Amino acid sequence: MYIKIIVLAIFVLVVSGCATTTTNISDEQSLANNQGLVVTKFHIQWQDKKSSLVGDLEFYFKKEGSEAVDASFVMSKPQDLKVVALPPGRYHWYKVLIGDYYMDLDESEGFTVKTGQITYIGDIYSSFDQQQFSLSGESSVSNNSEMIKNELQQSHPRLMSKYEFATQITNINSI
């Protein structure tokens, strides 16, 4: 039993130590010549509102052809809009980390980043229920592109006027 806990703790330490947290880009920032933007919005519902894990949610992904985890979207608040710059390429979902718990994701699912383009991958909805020794949950993706365009027009008007906006809805499936 203790060996499993130690192995899991080492795994979480390695995964979290290898990945970088993506940071929201500001409206004043310019993209590097070889970057594109990815936009998503997190929505979360906890069945147990007293959970210590509320707001402790990360979606890890890696670039196609890479064995290492490249980065993660970290939810910092409910209704969290993420606007992040990434190098172009195909990215695959890897894991969802919720506090000390994780779920493997179907790595055939993901999204593609194109240079100089804003790519909306959908709003990510997650619902979790924490029991004494377990955590259950699910995630889904919805297309709210018109609402996101309006929100980006308010928060990032310069970026919206400078770059093409494309909708490419991803899927998130646990395995």
N, C-alpha and C. Protein backbone atom coordinates (compact mmCIF):
# COMPACT_ATOMS: atom_id res chain seq x y z
N MET A 1 0.82 -1.19 0.00
CA MET A 1 0.00 0.00 0.00
C MET A 1 0.87 1.26 0.00
N TYR A 2 1.88 1.28 0.88
CA TYR A 2 2.76 2.45 0.96
C TYR A 2 3.57 2.63 -0.31
N ILE A 3 3.93 1.52 -0.94
CA ILE A 3 4.70 1.60 -2.18
C ILE A 3 3.88 2.28 -3.26
N LYS A 4 2.59 1.94 -3.36
CA LYS A 4 1.72 2.58 -4.35
C LYS A 4 1.62 4.09 -4.09
N ILE A 5 1.50 4.47 -2.84
CA ILE A 5 1.41 5.89 -2.51
C ILE A 5 2.71 6.61 -2.85
N ILE A 6 3.83 6.00 -2.57
CA ILE A 6 5.13 6.60 -2.88
C ILE A 6 5.31 6.72 -4.39
N VAL A 7 4.96 5.68 -5.13
CA VAL A 7 5.07 5.72 -6.60
C VAL A 7 4.18 6.82 -7.16
N LEU A 8 2.95 6.92 -6.67
CA LEU A 8 2.04 7.96 -7.13
C LEU A 8 2.58 9.35 -6.80
N ALA A 9 3.13 9.53 -5.62
CA ALA A 9 3.68 10.82 -5.23
C ALA A 9 4.87 11.20 -6.11
N ILE A 10 5.72 10.26 -6.42
CA ILE A 10 6.87 10.52 -7.30
C ILE A 10 6.39 10.86 -8.70
N PHE A 11 5.38 10.12 -9.19
CA PHE A 11 4.82 10.38 -10.51
C PHE A 11 4.27 11.80 -10.59
N VAL A 12 3.46 12.20 -9.61
CA VAL A 12 2.88 13.54 -9.60
C VAL A 12 3.97 14.60 -9.54
N LEU A 13 5.00 14.36 -8.75
CA LEU A 13 6.12 15.30 -8.65
C LEU A 13 6.84 15.43 -10.00
N VAL A 14 7.08 14.31 -10.67
CA VAL A 14 7.76 14.35 -11.96
C VAL A 14 6.89 15.04 -13.00
N VAL A 15 5.60 14.69 -13.08
CA VAL A 15 4.71 15.30 -14.06
C VAL A 15 4.60 16.79 -13.82
N SER A 16 4.40 17.19 -12.57
CA SER A 16 4.23 18.62 -12.31
C SER A 16 5.55 19.37 -12.44
N GLY A 17 6.67 18.71 -12.23
CA GLY A 17 7.96 19.37 -12.38
C GLY A 17 8.39 19.54 -13.82
N CYS A 18 7.89 18.70 -14.72
CA CYS A 18 8.29 18.76 -16.12
C CYS A 18 7.44 19.73 -16.93
N ALA A 19 6.24 19.95 -16.50
CA ALA A 19 5.34 20.79 -17.28
C ALA A 19 5.41 22.23 -16.81
N THR A 20 5.16 23.12 -17.74
CA THR A 20 5.09 24.52 -17.39
C THR A 20 3.64 24.96 -17.44
N THR A 21 3.31 25.87 -16.57
CA THR A 21 1.97 26.41 -16.56
C THR A 21 1.88 27.49 -17.62
N THR A 22 0.88 27.40 -18.45
CA THR A 22 0.69 28.44 -19.44
C THR A 22 0.17 29.68 -18.74
N THR A 23 0.60 30.84 -19.19
CA THR A 23 0.20 32.10 -18.59
C THR A 23 -0.60 32.91 -19.59
N ASN A 24 -1.66 33.52 -19.13
CA ASN A 24 -2.47 34.34 -20.02
C ASN A 24 -1.65 35.47 -20.61
N ILE A 25 -1.86 35.72 -21.89
CA ILE A 25 -1.20 36.80 -22.58
C ILE A 25 -2.05 38.06 -22.38
N SER A 26 -1.42 39.20 -22.29
CA SER A 26 -2.17 40.45 -22.15
C SER A 26 -2.45 41.02 -23.53
N ASP A 27 -3.37 41.95 -23.59
CA ASP A 27 -3.74 42.57 -24.87
C ASP A 27 -2.59 43.36 -25.47
N GLU A 28 -1.69 43.84 -24.63
CA GLU A 28 -0.56 44.64 -25.12
C GLU A 28 0.59 43.79 -25.67
N GLN A 29 0.62 42.52 -25.32
CA GLN A 29 1.71 41.66 -25.77
C GLN A 29 1.57 41.33 -27.25
N SER A 30 2.71 41.12 -27.89
CA SER A 30 2.73 40.66 -29.27
C SER A 30 3.19 39.22 -29.29
N LEU A 31 2.73 38.50 -30.27
CA LEU A 31 3.16 37.11 -30.42
C LEU A 31 4.54 37.07 -31.05
N ALA A 32 5.33 36.08 -30.67
CA ALA A 32 6.58 35.83 -31.36
C ALA A 32 6.24 35.36 -32.77
N ASN A 33 7.20 35.44 -33.68
CA ASN A 33 6.96 35.06 -35.07
C ASN A 33 6.44 33.64 -35.23
N ASN A 34 6.75 32.79 -34.30
CA ASN A 34 6.37 31.38 -34.43
C ASN A 34 5.35 30.96 -33.37
N GLN A 35 4.41 31.84 -33.03
CA GLN A 35 3.41 31.49 -32.03
C GLN A 35 2.00 31.70 -32.54
N GLY A 36 1.09 31.01 -31.89
CA GLY A 36 -0.34 31.20 -32.09
C GLY A 36 -0.98 31.31 -30.72
N LEU A 37 -2.25 31.62 -30.69
CA LEU A 37 -2.97 31.73 -29.42
C LEU A 37 -3.99 30.61 -29.29
N VAL A 38 -4.15 30.12 -28.08
CA VAL A 38 -5.17 29.14 -27.76
C VAL A 38 -6.08 29.76 -26.72
N VAL A 39 -7.39 29.63 -26.94
CA VAL A 39 -8.37 30.18 -26.02
C VAL A 39 -9.31 29.08 -25.55
N THR A 40 -9.52 29.01 -24.24
CA THR A 40 -10.50 28.13 -23.64
C THR A 40 -11.02 28.80 -22.39
N LYS A 41 -12.14 28.33 -21.91
CA LYS A 41 -12.68 28.86 -20.65
C LYS A 41 -13.10 27.68 -19.80
N PHE A 42 -12.66 27.71 -18.53
CA PHE A 42 -13.00 26.66 -17.59
C PHE A 42 -14.28 27.00 -16.84
N HIS A 43 -15.10 25.98 -16.65
CA HIS A 43 -16.29 26.06 -15.81
C HIS A 43 -16.23 24.84 -14.91
N ILE A 44 -16.35 25.03 -13.61
CA ILE A 44 -16.23 23.89 -12.71
C ILE A 44 -17.38 23.88 -11.71
N GLN A 45 -17.80 22.66 -11.38
CA GLN A 45 -18.83 22.47 -10.38
C GLN A 45 -18.36 21.37 -9.43
N TRP A 46 -18.31 21.70 -8.15
CA TRP A 46 -17.95 20.72 -7.14
C TRP A 46 -19.20 20.32 -6.38
N GLN A 47 -19.40 19.02 -6.21
CA GLN A 47 -20.54 18.54 -5.43
C GLN A 47 -20.33 18.87 -3.95
N ASP A 48 -19.08 18.80 -3.50
CA ASP A 48 -18.74 19.10 -2.10
C ASP A 48 -18.05 20.46 -2.11
N LYS A 49 -18.77 21.51 -1.80
CA LYS A 49 -18.23 22.88 -1.85
C LYS A 49 -17.13 23.13 -0.83
N LYS A 50 -17.00 22.26 0.19
CA LYS A 50 -15.99 22.44 1.22
C LYS A 50 -14.67 21.77 0.84
N SER A 51 -14.61 21.17 -0.32
CA SER A 51 -13.43 20.42 -0.72
C SER A 51 -12.20 21.31 -0.75
N SER A 52 -11.10 20.77 -0.29
CA SER A 52 -9.83 21.49 -0.35
C SER A 52 -9.29 21.55 -1.77
N LEU A 53 -9.91 20.81 -2.70
CA LEU A 53 -9.44 20.76 -4.08
C LEU A 53 -10.10 21.79 -4.98
N VAL A 54 -11.09 22.52 -4.46
CA VAL A 54 -11.78 23.52 -5.27
C VAL A 54 -10.75 24.51 -5.79
N GLY A 55 -10.71 24.70 -7.09
CA GLY A 55 -9.75 25.61 -7.71
C GLY A 55 -8.38 25.01 -7.93
N ASP A 56 -8.22 23.71 -7.70
CA ASP A 56 -6.92 23.05 -7.86
C ASP A 56 -7.05 22.04 -9.01
N LEU A 57 -7.14 22.56 -10.23
CA LEU A 57 -7.42 21.73 -11.39
C LEU A 57 -6.46 22.09 -12.52
N GLU A 58 -5.81 21.08 -13.09
CA GLU A 58 -4.86 21.31 -14.19
C GLU A 58 -5.11 20.30 -15.31
N PHE A 59 -5.11 20.79 -16.55
CA PHE A 59 -5.22 19.94 -17.73
C PHE A 59 -3.87 19.94 -18.41
N TYR A 60 -3.17 18.80 -18.40
CA TYR A 60 -1.84 18.68 -19.00
C TYR A 60 -1.95 18.26 -20.47
N PHE A 61 -1.06 18.80 -21.29
CA PHE A 61 -1.01 18.43 -22.70
C PHE A 61 0.44 18.40 -23.16
N LYS A 62 0.68 17.71 -24.28
CA LYS A 62 2.04 17.64 -24.83
C LYS A 62 1.98 17.77 -26.34
N LYS A 63 3.06 18.27 -26.90
CA LYS A 63 3.13 18.49 -28.34
C LYS A 63 3.35 17.15 -29.04
N GLU A 64 2.72 16.99 -30.18
CA GLU A 64 2.85 15.76 -30.95
C GLU A 64 4.32 15.46 -31.22
N GLY A 65 4.70 14.22 -31.03
CA GLY A 65 6.08 13.80 -31.25
C GLY A 65 6.96 13.95 -30.02
N SER A 66 6.44 14.54 -28.97
CA SER A 66 7.21 14.75 -27.75
C SER A 66 6.79 13.73 -26.70
N GLU A 67 7.74 13.19 -26.00
CA GLU A 67 7.42 12.27 -24.91
C GLU A 67 7.17 13.03 -23.62
N ALA A 68 7.70 14.24 -23.53
CA ALA A 68 7.57 15.04 -22.30
C ALA A 68 6.28 15.85 -22.33
N VAL A 69 5.73 16.09 -21.17
CA VAL A 69 4.57 16.96 -21.05
C VAL A 69 5.05 18.39 -21.23
N ASP A 70 4.42 19.11 -22.15
CA ASP A 70 4.85 20.47 -22.46
C ASP A 70 4.31 21.50 -21.50
N ALA A 71 3.03 21.47 -21.22
CA ALA A 71 2.43 22.54 -20.43
C ALA A 71 1.09 22.11 -19.88
N SER A 72 0.49 23.00 -19.13
CA SER A 72 -0.83 22.73 -18.58
C SER A 72 -1.65 24.01 -18.52
N PHE A 73 -2.95 23.83 -18.62
CA PHE A 73 -3.88 24.91 -18.33
C PHE A 73 -4.26 24.73 -16.87
N VAL A 74 -4.01 25.74 -16.06
CA VAL A 74 -4.32 25.68 -14.64
C VAL A 74 -5.51 26.59 -14.35
N MET A 75 -6.55 26.01 -13.78
CA MET A 75 -7.71 26.81 -13.45
C MET A 75 -7.42 27.58 -12.18
N SER A 76 -7.49 28.90 -12.26
CA SER A 76 -7.19 29.72 -11.09
C SER A 76 -8.45 30.28 -10.43
N LYS A 77 -9.59 30.20 -11.12
CA LYS A 77 -10.85 30.67 -10.56
C LYS A 77 -12.00 30.06 -11.37
N PRO A 78 -13.19 30.02 -10.78
CA PRO A 78 -14.34 29.56 -11.58
C PRO A 78 -14.55 30.51 -12.76
N GLN A 79 -15.04 29.99 -13.87
CA GLN A 79 -15.27 30.80 -15.07
C GLN A 79 -13.95 31.45 -15.53
N ASP A 80 -12.91 30.67 -15.64
CA ASP A 80 -11.55 31.14 -15.90
C ASP A 80 -11.25 31.13 -17.40
N LEU A 81 -11.08 32.31 -18.01
CA LEU A 81 -10.74 32.44 -19.42
C LEU A 81 -9.23 32.34 -19.59
N LYS A 82 -8.80 31.44 -20.45
CA LYS A 82 -7.37 31.26 -20.74
C LYS A 82 -7.11 31.73 -22.17
N VAL A 83 -6.13 32.63 -22.34
CA VAL A 83 -5.68 33.13 -23.64
C VAL A 83 -4.16 33.00 -23.60
N VAL A 84 -3.63 31.93 -24.19
CA VAL A 84 -2.20 31.62 -24.04
C VAL A 84 -1.51 31.49 -25.40
N ALA A 85 -0.25 31.88 -25.43
CA ALA A 85 0.57 31.76 -26.63
C ALA A 85 1.34 30.44 -26.58
N LEU A 86 1.34 29.73 -27.71
CA LEU A 86 2.06 28.46 -27.83
C LEU A 86 2.72 28.39 -29.20
N PRO A 87 3.81 27.63 -29.32
CA PRO A 87 4.39 27.39 -30.64
C PRO A 87 3.40 26.59 -31.49
N PRO A 88 3.45 26.76 -32.81
CA PRO A 88 2.52 26.02 -33.67
C PRO A 88 2.76 24.52 -33.59
N GLY A 89 1.70 23.77 -33.84
CA GLY A 89 1.80 22.32 -33.85
C GLY A 89 0.55 21.69 -33.29
N ARG A 90 0.54 20.38 -33.29
CA ARG A 90 -0.57 19.59 -32.77
C ARG A 90 -0.25 19.22 -31.33
N TYR A 91 -1.20 19.46 -30.44
CA TYR A 91 -1.04 19.15 -29.02
C TYR A 91 -2.07 18.09 -28.63
N HIS A 92 -1.66 17.19 -27.74
CA HIS A 92 -2.51 16.09 -27.29
C HIS A 92 -2.73 16.20 -25.79
N TRP A 93 -3.97 15.95 -25.36
CA TRP A 93 -4.27 15.91 -23.93
C TRP A 93 -3.50 14.75 -23.31
N TYR A 94 -3.15 14.90 -22.05
CA TYR A 94 -2.35 13.89 -21.36
C TYR A 94 -3.01 13.43 -20.05
N LYS A 95 -3.20 14.35 -19.13
CA LYS A 95 -3.79 14.02 -17.83
C LYS A 95 -4.57 15.22 -17.29
N VAL A 96 -5.49 14.92 -16.39
CA VAL A 96 -6.12 15.95 -15.58
C VAL A 96 -5.65 15.70 -14.15
N LEU A 97 -5.13 16.72 -13.53
CA LEU A 97 -4.66 16.62 -12.14
C LEU A 97 -5.60 17.45 -11.28
N ILE A 98 -6.16 16.82 -10.25
CA ILE A 98 -7.05 17.48 -9.32
C ILE A 98 -6.48 17.23 -7.94
N GLY A 99 -5.74 18.19 -7.43
CA GLY A 99 -5.07 17.99 -6.14
C GLY A 99 -4.11 16.82 -6.24
N ASP A 100 -4.31 15.80 -5.41
CA ASP A 100 -3.47 14.60 -5.43
C ASP A 100 -4.02 13.51 -6.33
N TYR A 101 -5.15 13.74 -6.99
CA TYR A 101 -5.78 12.77 -7.85
C TYR A 101 -5.50 13.11 -9.31
N TYR A 102 -5.51 12.09 -10.16
CA TYR A 102 -5.36 12.36 -11.58
C TYR A 102 -6.18 11.37 -12.40
N MET A 103 -6.49 11.78 -13.63
CA MET A 103 -7.16 10.92 -14.60
C MET A 103 -6.35 10.97 -15.88
N ASP A 104 -6.10 9.81 -16.46
CA ASP A 104 -5.45 9.75 -17.77
C ASP A 104 -6.46 10.18 -18.82
N LEU A 105 -5.98 10.90 -19.83
CA LEU A 105 -6.84 11.33 -20.92
C LEU A 105 -6.45 10.63 -22.21
N ASP A 106 -7.40 10.52 -23.10
CA ASP A 106 -7.18 9.93 -24.42
C ASP A 106 -6.24 10.84 -25.20
N GLU A 107 -5.03 10.36 -25.44
CA GLU A 107 -4.01 11.17 -26.09
C GLU A 107 -4.24 11.37 -27.59
N SER A 108 -5.24 10.70 -28.15
CA SER A 108 -5.53 10.94 -29.57
C SER A 108 -6.34 12.23 -29.73
N GLU A 109 -6.88 12.76 -28.63
CA GLU A 109 -7.64 14.00 -28.66
C GLU A 109 -6.71 15.18 -28.37
N GLY A 110 -7.05 16.34 -28.90
CA GLY A 110 -6.23 17.52 -28.64
C GLY A 110 -6.64 18.69 -29.50
N PHE A 111 -5.67 19.51 -29.86
CA PHE A 111 -5.94 20.72 -30.63
C PHE A 111 -4.70 21.11 -31.42
N THR A 112 -4.89 21.94 -32.44
CA THR A 112 -3.80 22.38 -33.30
C THR A 112 -3.64 23.89 -33.18
N VAL A 113 -2.41 24.32 -33.00
CA VAL A 113 -2.08 25.75 -32.92
C VAL A 113 -1.44 26.16 -34.23
N LYS A 114 -1.92 27.26 -34.81
CA LYS A 114 -1.35 27.79 -36.04
C LYS A 114 -0.72 29.15 -35.77
N THR A 115 0.38 29.42 -36.44
CA THR A 115 1.08 30.69 -36.28
C THR A 115 0.16 31.86 -36.61
N GLY A 116 0.15 32.86 -35.72
CA GLY A 116 -0.60 34.08 -35.95
C GLY A 116 -2.10 33.93 -35.95
N GLN A 117 -2.62 32.88 -35.31
CA GLN A 117 -4.07 32.65 -35.29
C GLN A 117 -4.54 32.46 -33.86
N ILE A 118 -5.73 32.95 -33.56
CA ILE A 118 -6.39 32.70 -32.28
C ILE A 118 -7.26 31.46 -32.48
N THR A 119 -6.95 30.38 -31.77
CA THR A 119 -7.70 29.14 -31.91
C THR A 119 -8.51 28.89 -30.64
N TYR A 120 -9.82 28.95 -30.77
CA TYR A 120 -10.73 28.67 -29.66
C TYR A 120 -11.01 27.17 -29.68
N ILE A 121 -10.69 26.49 -28.56
CA ILE A 121 -10.83 25.03 -28.50
C ILE A 121 -12.09 24.59 -27.75
N GLY A 122 -12.93 25.54 -27.35
CA GLY A 122 -14.16 25.22 -26.65
C GLY A 122 -14.06 25.53 -25.17
N ASP A 123 -15.22 25.65 -24.54
CA ASP A 123 -15.29 25.84 -23.10
C ASP A 123 -15.25 24.46 -22.44
N ILE A 124 -14.43 24.32 -21.42
CA ILE A 124 -14.27 23.04 -20.72
C ILE A 124 -15.10 23.07 -19.44
N TYR A 125 -16.06 22.16 -19.37
CA TYR A 125 -16.92 22.03 -18.21
C TYR A 125 -16.50 20.80 -17.43
N SER A 126 -16.27 20.96 -16.12
CA SER A 126 -15.88 19.84 -15.27
C SER A 126 -16.75 19.80 -14.03
N SER A 127 -17.08 18.59 -13.63
CA SER A 127 -17.88 18.38 -12.43
C SER A 127 -17.20 17.27 -11.62
N PHE A 128 -17.00 17.51 -10.33
CA PHE A 128 -16.31 16.55 -9.49
C PHE A 128 -17.04 16.35 -8.17
N ASP A 129 -16.90 15.15 -7.63
CA ASP A 129 -17.46 14.80 -6.34
C ASP A 129 -16.38 14.07 -5.56
N GLN A 130 -15.99 14.65 -4.43
CA GLN A 130 -14.94 14.04 -3.61
C GLN A 130 -15.57 13.31 -2.44
N GLN A 131 -15.21 12.04 -2.31
CA GLN A 131 -15.62 11.25 -1.16
C GLN A 131 -14.41 11.13 -0.24
N GLN A 132 -14.52 10.34 0.81
CA GLN A 132 -13.43 10.27 1.78
C GLN A 132 -12.11 9.82 1.16
N PHE A 133 -12.13 8.77 0.33
CA PHE A 133 -10.89 8.25 -0.24
C PHE A 133 -10.90 8.22 -1.77
N SER A 134 -11.83 8.90 -2.39
CA SER A 134 -11.90 8.84 -3.84
C SER A 134 -12.42 10.16 -4.41
N LEU A 135 -12.25 10.27 -5.70
CA LEU A 135 -12.73 11.43 -6.43
C LEU A 135 -13.32 10.93 -7.73
N SER A 136 -14.51 11.36 -8.04
CA SER A 136 -15.11 11.01 -9.33
C SER A 136 -15.42 12.31 -10.05
N GLY A 137 -15.43 12.22 -11.36
CA GLY A 137 -15.72 13.43 -12.11
C GLY A 137 -15.80 13.18 -13.58
N GLU A 138 -16.19 14.24 -14.28
CA GLU A 138 -16.26 14.17 -15.72
C GLU A 138 -16.01 15.56 -16.29
N SER A 139 -15.58 15.59 -17.53
CA SER A 139 -15.35 16.84 -18.23
C SER A 139 -15.96 16.74 -19.62
N SER A 140 -16.43 17.86 -20.11
CA SER A 140 -16.98 17.93 -21.46
C SER A 140 -16.60 19.28 -22.06
N VAL A 141 -16.78 19.40 -23.35
CA VAL A 141 -16.42 20.62 -24.06
C VAL A 141 -17.63 21.10 -24.84
N SER A 142 -17.90 22.41 -24.77
CA SER A 142 -19.01 23.01 -25.50
C SER A 142 -18.51 24.18 -26.34
N ASN A 143 -19.19 24.39 -27.45
CA ASN A 143 -18.85 25.48 -28.35
C ASN A 143 -19.65 26.73 -27.96
N ASN A 144 -18.98 27.68 -27.36
CA ASN A 144 -19.57 28.97 -27.00
C ASN A 144 -18.80 30.08 -27.71
N SER A 145 -18.46 29.86 -28.98
CA SER A 145 -17.55 30.77 -29.68
C SER A 145 -18.05 32.19 -29.77
N GLU A 146 -19.34 32.41 -29.94
CA GLU A 146 -19.84 33.79 -30.04
C GLU A 146 -19.67 34.53 -28.72
N MET A 147 -19.95 33.86 -27.60
CA MET A 147 -19.75 34.48 -26.29
C MET A 147 -18.28 34.75 -26.04
N ILE A 148 -17.42 33.81 -26.43
CA ILE A 148 -15.98 33.98 -26.23
C ILE A 148 -15.46 35.12 -27.10
N LYS A 149 -15.92 35.22 -28.34
CA LYS A 149 -15.52 36.35 -29.20
C LYS A 149 -15.87 37.68 -28.54
N ASN A 150 -17.07 37.77 -27.99
CA ASN A 150 -17.48 39.00 -27.31
C ASN A 150 -16.62 39.29 -26.09
N GLU A 151 -16.33 38.25 -25.32
CA GLU A 151 -15.48 38.42 -24.14
C GLU A 151 -14.06 38.83 -24.54
N LEU A 152 -13.53 38.22 -25.59
CA LEU A 152 -12.19 38.60 -26.07
C LEU A 152 -12.18 40.01 -26.63
N GLN A 153 -13.26 40.41 -27.27
CA GLN A 153 -13.35 41.78 -27.79
C GLN A 153 -13.25 42.79 -26.65
N GLN A 154 -13.80 42.43 -25.48
CA GLN A 154 -13.72 43.30 -24.31
C GLN A 154 -12.34 43.27 -23.65
N SER A 155 -11.79 42.07 -23.49
CA SER A 155 -10.54 41.91 -22.74
C SER A 155 -9.28 42.00 -23.59
N HIS A 156 -9.37 41.66 -24.88
CA HIS A 156 -8.21 41.64 -25.77
C HIS A 156 -8.55 42.24 -27.14
N PRO A 157 -9.02 43.48 -27.18
CA PRO A 157 -9.45 44.06 -28.47
C PRO A 157 -8.33 44.17 -29.50
N ARG A 158 -7.12 44.48 -29.06
CA ARG A 158 -6.00 44.61 -30.02
C ARG A 158 -5.68 43.26 -30.65
N LEU A 159 -5.67 42.21 -29.85
CA LEU A 159 -5.39 40.88 -30.39
C LEU A 159 -6.49 40.43 -31.35
N MET A 160 -7.73 40.74 -31.00
CA MET A 160 -8.86 40.34 -31.87
C MET A 160 -8.81 41.07 -33.21
N SER A 161 -8.33 42.31 -33.21
CA SER A 161 -8.26 43.05 -34.47
C SER A 161 -7.04 42.65 -35.30
N LYS A 162 -6.05 42.09 -34.64
CA LYS A 162 -4.79 41.78 -35.33
C LYS A 162 -4.73 40.35 -35.88
N TYR A 163 -5.37 39.40 -35.20
CA TYR A 163 -5.24 37.99 -35.57
C TYR A 163 -6.59 37.38 -35.95
N GLU A 164 -6.53 36.41 -36.85
CA GLU A 164 -7.72 35.68 -37.27
C GLU A 164 -8.20 34.79 -36.13
N PHE A 165 -9.52 34.71 -35.95
CA PHE A 165 -10.14 33.88 -34.93
C PHE A 165 -10.69 32.62 -35.59
N ALA A 166 -10.30 31.45 -35.09
CA ALA A 166 -10.78 30.18 -35.64
C ALA A 166 -11.32 29.32 -34.51
N THR A 167 -12.38 28.59 -34.80
CA THR A 167 -12.97 27.67 -33.84
C THR A 167 -12.60 26.24 -34.21
N GLN A 168 -12.01 25.54 -33.26
CA GLN A 168 -11.62 24.14 -33.45
C GLN A 168 -11.90 23.41 -32.14
N ILE A 169 -13.09 22.90 -32.00
CA ILE A 169 -13.51 22.31 -30.74
C ILE A 169 -12.76 21.00 -30.49
N THR A 170 -12.16 20.91 -29.33
CA THR A 170 -11.43 19.71 -28.93
C THR A 170 -12.38 18.74 -28.24
N ASN A 171 -11.91 17.55 -27.98
CA ASN A 171 -12.61 16.58 -27.15
C ASN A 171 -11.71 16.23 -25.98
N ILE A 172 -12.32 15.97 -24.85
CA ILE A 172 -11.57 15.51 -23.68
C ILE A 172 -12.23 14.24 -23.21
N ASN A 173 -11.52 13.13 -23.33
CA ASN A 173 -12.05 11.84 -22.93
C ASN A 173 -11.07 11.17 -21.98
N SER A 174 -11.58 10.71 -20.85
CA SER A 174 -10.71 9.97 -19.92
C SER A 174 -10.61 8.53 -20.39
N ILE A 175 -9.53 7.87 -20.01
CA ILE A 175 -9.36 6.46 -20.35
C ILE A 175 -9.25 5.62 -19.09
